[in-house]
Amino acid sequence: MRPEAADALRVSGLSHAFGTRRVLQDVAFSVRPGDFTVLLGLNGAGKTTLFALITRLYSARTGAIAVFGHDVERAPRAALARMGVVFQQPTLDLDLTVEQNLFYHASLHGLSRRTASPAVEAELERVGLLERRHDRVRALSGGQRRRVELARALVHQPSLLLLDEPTAGLDTESRQFLLQHVRALCRTRAVGVLWATHLIDEAGEEARVIVLQQGRVLADDTQAALSAPFGSLSGAFDSLTARHAA
């Protein structure tokens, strides 16, 4: 792992279980501002549980999680204020308009409508949905709804963005839009990103890749470094996960 002072997200010695079933085992990694970090793992690897712990949907039993130095257990308000999240399962209110969903989210972060209004407009424009701001969400396609969720996650100007399988069920064009948009946030706004996926092709050349298998981190390095001994990231992933298969 890298120096703690610069970390947008730092996970240390994190373990979690549901009853007697271990889901995460001594997980440790970090994400720095401007990093596009891919959490790569098959379904059931523990990605969603990890996200639930980072966002405090679950309480960590062992280990520590810090967002820009704020421990999520001891200082949850400060940690969550720096964080934007796109969960795997859709969380928009389908009967509210696009902008109502964003304003509601802004209010949860203590922003007045007047304060939030410029950010709502700017984020909807960036995802190409400003003209749909008054439409009910249920009138949008699946790809458009994901864009709304991304815009909503950015309304309060977070410095850390978490996305759990954000392209699941989307067509190629929508997948590429989300990837390009999020990578641009890393470059232009120095947002630290943790992008969880089981799709190897979503880890571009500039990505840092964390391979998670059965709740354990098997590798944490640049895409190029992981790929080099095997000729491709796919080869590296197959080799690592086969070696640690149950």
Protein backbone atom coordinates (compact mmCIF):
# COMPACT_ATOMS: atom_id res chain seq x y z
CA MET A 1 0.00 0.00 0.00
CA ARG A 2 1.00 3.62 -0.46
CA PRO A 3 1.55 6.53 1.95
CA GLU A 4 -1.44 7.09 4.23
CA ALA A 5 -1.32 10.90 4.17
CA ALA A 6 -2.36 11.02 0.51
CA ASP A 7 -5.13 8.43 0.67
CA ALA A 8 -8.67 9.22 -0.44
CA LEU A 9 -9.61 5.78 0.87
CA ARG A 10 -7.63 3.47 3.11
CA VAL A 11 -8.80 -0.01 4.11
CA SER A 12 -6.70 -1.81 6.71
CA GLY A 13 -6.99 -5.37 8.04
CA LEU A 14 -10.69 -5.56 7.21
CA SER A 15 -12.51 -8.83 7.91
CA HIS A 16 -16.22 -9.53 8.02
CA ALA A 17 -18.48 -12.54 8.45
CA PHE A 18 -22.18 -13.33 8.34
CA GLY A 19 -22.54 -15.79 11.16
CA THR A 20 -19.84 -18.40 10.62
CA ARG A 21 -19.40 -17.56 6.92
CA ARG A 22 -16.32 -15.45 6.27
CA VAL A 23 -16.93 -12.91 3.50
CA LEU A 24 -13.84 -10.70 3.79
CA GLN A 25 -10.48 -11.74 5.20
CA ASP A 26 -7.81 -9.20 6.17
CA VAL A 27 -8.51 -6.90 3.20
CA ALA A 28 -6.10 -3.98 2.85
CA PHE A 29 -5.59 -1.42 0.07
CA SER A 30 -5.68 2.30 -0.62
CA VAL A 31 -6.95 4.72 -3.27
CA ARG A 32 -5.34 8.10 -3.79
CA PRO A 33 -6.92 11.26 -5.23
CA GLY A 34 -6.99 10.99 -9.01
CA ASP A 35 -6.62 7.19 -9.01
CA PHE A 36 -8.92 5.07 -11.16
CA THR A 37 -8.82 1.85 -9.13
CA VAL A 38 -10.65 -1.23 -10.34
CA LEU A 39 -11.81 -3.78 -7.77
CA LEU A 40 -11.93 -6.87 -9.95
CA GLY A 41 -13.65 -10.02 -8.78
CA LEU A 42 -16.17 -12.64 -9.78
CA ASN A 43 -19.71 -12.51 -8.42
CA GLY A 44 -19.54 -13.54 -4.78
CA ALA A 45 -15.96 -12.33 -4.30
CA GLY A 46 -17.04 -9.89 -1.56
CA LYS A 47 -17.14 -6.62 -3.53
CA THR A 48 -20.64 -5.57 -2.49
CA THR A 49 -20.00 -6.43 1.17
CA LEU A 50 -16.86 -4.32 1.05
CA PHE A 51 -18.84 -1.39 -0.35
CA ALA A 52 -21.48 -1.83 2.36
CA LEU A 53 -18.77 -1.57 5.01
CA ILE A 54 -17.14 1.49 3.45
CA THR A 55 -20.50 3.28 3.24
CA ARG A 56 -21.55 2.11 6.74
CA LEU A 57 -24.54 0.07 5.63
CA TYR A 58 -22.77 -2.58 7.70
CA SER A 59 -20.52 -2.00 10.68
CA ALA A 60 -17.00 -3.40 10.39
CA ARG A 61 -16.16 -6.04 12.97
CA THR A 62 -12.42 -6.13 12.38
CA GLY A 63 -10.10 -3.60 10.77
CA ALA A 64 -10.39 0.06 9.83
CA ILE A 65 -11.67 2.21 6.96
CA ALA A 66 -10.71 5.85 6.52
CA VAL A 67 -11.78 8.46 3.95
CA PHE A 68 -9.24 11.29 3.71
CA GLY A 69 -8.11 10.35 7.21
CA HIS A 70 -11.64 10.24 8.69
CA ASP A 71 -12.43 6.88 10.25
CA VAL A 72 -15.87 5.79 9.04
CA GLU A 73 -16.77 4.38 12.47
CA ARG A 74 -15.52 7.23 14.67
CA ALA A 75 -16.21 10.15 12.29
CA PRO A 76 -18.93 8.93 9.89
CA ARG A 77 -20.31 12.35 9.01
CA ALA A 78 -16.93 13.69 7.91
CA ALA A 79 -16.14 10.49 5.98
CA LEU A 80 -19.49 10.25 4.19
CA ALA A 81 -19.41 13.95 3.26
CA ARG A 82 -16.33 13.29 1.08
CA MET A 83 -17.86 10.24 -0.60
CA GLY A 84 -20.21 9.71 -3.56
CA VAL A 85 -21.71 6.28 -4.25
CA VAL A 86 -23.39 4.47 -7.13
CA PHE A 87 -24.71 1.18 -5.75
CA GLN A 88 -25.18 -1.99 -7.76
CA GLN A 89 -28.93 -1.98 -7.25
CA PRO A 90 -30.83 1.07 -8.61
CA THR A 91 -31.78 3.52 -5.86
CA LEU A 92 -33.61 6.30 -7.72
CA ASP A 93 -37.21 7.18 -6.88
CA LEU A 94 -38.97 6.41 -10.16
CA ASP A 95 -41.92 8.70 -9.40
CA LEU A 96 -39.80 11.77 -8.81
CA THR A 97 -38.34 13.82 -11.62
CA VAL A 98 -34.67 13.66 -12.52
CA GLU A 99 -33.84 16.89 -10.75
CA GLN A 100 -36.01 16.07 -7.72
CA ASN A 101 -33.88 12.98 -7.13
CA LEU A 102 -30.76 15.14 -7.19
CA PHE A 103 -32.17 17.87 -4.97
CA TYR A 104 -33.31 15.29 -2.42
CA HIS A 105 -29.80 13.84 -2.33
CA ALA A 106 -28.33 17.32 -1.91
CA SER A 107 -30.64 17.99 1.04
CA LEU A 108 -29.36 14.85 2.76
CA HIS A 109 -25.91 16.42 2.60
CA GLY A 110 -27.21 19.64 4.16
CA LEU A 111 -27.34 21.68 0.94
CA SER A 112 -30.18 24.11 0.39
CA ARG A 113 -31.98 24.12 -2.94
CA ARG A 114 -30.42 27.48 -3.77
CA THR A 115 -26.91 26.21 -3.02
CA ALA A 116 -27.42 22.90 -4.82
CA SER A 117 -29.10 24.28 -7.93
CA PRO A 118 -25.91 25.17 -9.88
CA ALA A 119 -24.39 21.77 -9.10
CA VAL A 120 -27.57 19.93 -10.13
CA GLU A 121 -27.62 21.77 -13.44
CA ALA A 122 -23.89 21.25 -14.05
CA GLU A 123 -23.89 17.52 -13.31
CA LEU A 124 -26.98 16.86 -15.44
CA GLU A 125 -25.40 18.78 -18.29
CA ARG A 126 -22.20 16.73 -17.99
CA VAL A 127 -24.14 13.48 -18.35
CA GLY A 128 -26.23 14.86 -21.22
CA LEU A 129 -29.57 14.88 -19.40
CA LEU A 130 -30.20 18.53 -18.60
CA GLU A 131 -33.10 18.66 -21.05
CA ARG A 132 -34.70 15.69 -19.22
CA ARG A 133 -34.49 17.32 -15.79
CA HIS A 134 -38.30 17.64 -15.44
CA ASP A 135 -39.06 14.09 -16.65
CA ARG A 136 -39.98 11.37 -14.20
CA VAL A 137 -37.21 8.83 -13.83
CA ARG A 138 -39.46 5.95 -14.87
CA ALA A 139 -39.60 7.50 -18.36
CA LEU A 140 -35.83 7.05 -18.83
CA SER A 141 -33.93 4.09 -20.26
CA GLY A 142 -31.67 1.96 -18.07
CA GLY A 143 -28.55 3.72 -19.32
CA GLN A 144 -30.06 7.15 -18.68
CA ARG A 145 -31.03 6.16 -15.15
CA ARG A 146 -27.44 5.16 -14.46
CA ARG A 147 -26.33 8.57 -15.70
CA VAL A 148 -28.76 10.19 -13.27
CA GLU A 149 -27.36 8.07 -10.43
CA LEU A 150 -23.85 9.18 -11.32
CA ALA A 151 -24.89 12.83 -11.50
CA ARG A 152 -26.65 12.49 -8.14
CA ALA A 153 -23.54 10.96 -6.54
CA LEU A 154 -21.53 14.03 -7.62
CA VAL A 155 -23.92 16.82 -6.62
CA HIS A 156 -22.23 17.42 -3.25
CA GLN A 157 -18.78 17.50 -4.93
CA PRO A 158 -17.23 14.41 -3.31
CA SER A 159 -13.53 13.66 -3.57
CA LEU A 160 -14.03 9.88 -3.47
CA LEU A 161 -16.41 8.03 -5.79
CA LEU A 162 -17.45 4.41 -5.28
CA LEU A 163 -19.22 2.48 -8.04
CA ASP A 164 -20.41 -1.10 -7.53
CA GLU A 165 -20.92 -2.93 -10.86
CA PRO A 166 -22.19 0.33 -12.41
CA THR A 167 -22.45 -1.04 -15.97
CA ALA A 168 -24.45 -4.18 -15.14
CA GLY A 169 -27.20 -4.65 -17.72
CA LEU A 170 -26.15 -1.67 -19.85
CA ASP A 171 -25.48 -1.63 -23.57
CA THR A 172 -22.00 -0.98 -24.98
CA GLU A 173 -22.58 2.73 -25.62
CA SER A 174 -23.83 3.35 -22.08
CA ARG A 175 -20.93 1.37 -20.59
CA GLN A 176 -18.39 3.39 -22.54
CA PHE A 177 -20.00 6.68 -21.58
CA LEU A 178 -19.83 5.87 -17.86
CA LEU A 179 -16.23 4.67 -18.08
CA GLN A 180 -15.09 7.74 -20.01
CA HIS A 181 -16.98 10.11 -17.75
CA VAL A 182 -15.59 8.62 -14.55
CA ARG A 183 -12.02 8.42 -15.87
CA ALA A 184 -12.29 12.10 -16.82
CA LEU A 185 -13.26 12.90 -13.21
CA CYS A 186 -9.97 11.36 -12.09
CA ARG A 187 -7.98 13.47 -14.57
CA THR A 188 -9.78 16.79 -14.31
CA ARG A 189 -11.08 16.87 -10.73
CA ALA A 190 -8.62 14.52 -9.00
CA VAL A 191 -11.49 12.36 -7.75
CA GLY A 192 -10.33 9.06 -6.28
CA VAL A 193 -12.41 6.24 -7.79
CA LEU A 194 -13.04 2.66 -6.68
CA TRP A 195 -14.84 0.88 -9.54
CA ALA A 196 -16.01 -2.65 -8.69
CA THR A 197 -16.63 -5.01 -11.59
CA HIS A 198 -16.32 -8.58 -12.83
CA LEU A 199 -15.65 -7.34 -16.38
CA ILE A 200 -11.94 -7.40 -17.09
CA ASP A 201 -12.16 -5.06 -20.08
CA GLU A 202 -13.28 -2.21 -17.80
CA ALA A 203 -9.76 -1.93 -16.41
CA GLY A 204 -7.99 0.32 -18.90
CA GLU A 205 -4.25 0.79 -19.21
CA GLU A 206 -4.20 3.61 -16.68
CA ALA A 207 -6.05 1.66 -13.99
CA ARG A 208 -4.77 0.29 -10.75
CA VAL A 209 -6.25 -3.18 -10.26
CA ILE A 210 -7.14 -4.95 -7.03
CA VAL A 211 -8.04 -8.62 -7.55
CA LEU A 212 -10.49 -9.89 -4.93
CA GLN A 213 -11.30 -13.59 -4.66
CA GLN A 214 -13.28 -15.29 -1.89
CA GLY A 215 -12.88 -12.23 0.30
CA ARG A 216 -9.09 -11.98 -0.06
CA VAL A 217 -6.94 -9.51 -1.99
CA LEU A 218 -4.80 -11.59 -4.35
CA ALA A 219 -3.09 -8.71 -6.16
CA ASP A 220 -2.85 -4.92 -6.02
CA ASP A 221 -0.83 -3.24 -8.76
CA THR A 222 -1.05 -1.34 -12.03
CA GLN A 223 -2.78 -3.02 -14.93
CA ALA A 224 0.49 -3.10 -16.86
CA ALA A 225 2.45 -4.72 -14.03
CA LEU A 226 -0.17 -7.41 -13.46
CA SER A 227 -0.50 -8.14 -17.17
CA ALA A 228 3.22 -8.31 -18.03
CA PRO A 229 4.01 -11.89 -16.84
CA PHE A 230 0.88 -13.32 -18.46
CA GLY A 231 0.49 -11.26 -21.63
CA SER A 232 -2.85 -9.79 -20.57
CA LEU A 233 -4.90 -8.84 -17.54
CA SER A 234 -7.29 -11.67 -18.39
CA GLY A 235 -4.41 -14.14 -18.20
CA ALA A 236 -3.25 -12.71 -14.88
CA PHE A 237 -6.76 -12.83 -13.42
CA ASP A 238 -7.37 -16.41 -14.55
CA SER A 239 -4.04 -17.55 -13.12
CA LEU A 240 -4.48 -15.80 -9.78
CA THR A 241 -8.05 -16.94 -9.19
CA ALA A 242 -7.36 -20.52 -10.29
CA ARG A 243 -4.43 -20.68 -7.88
CA HIS A 244 -6.65 -19.64 -4.98
CA ALA A 245 -9.83 -21.48 -5.92
CA ALA A 246 -11.52 -23.50 -3.23
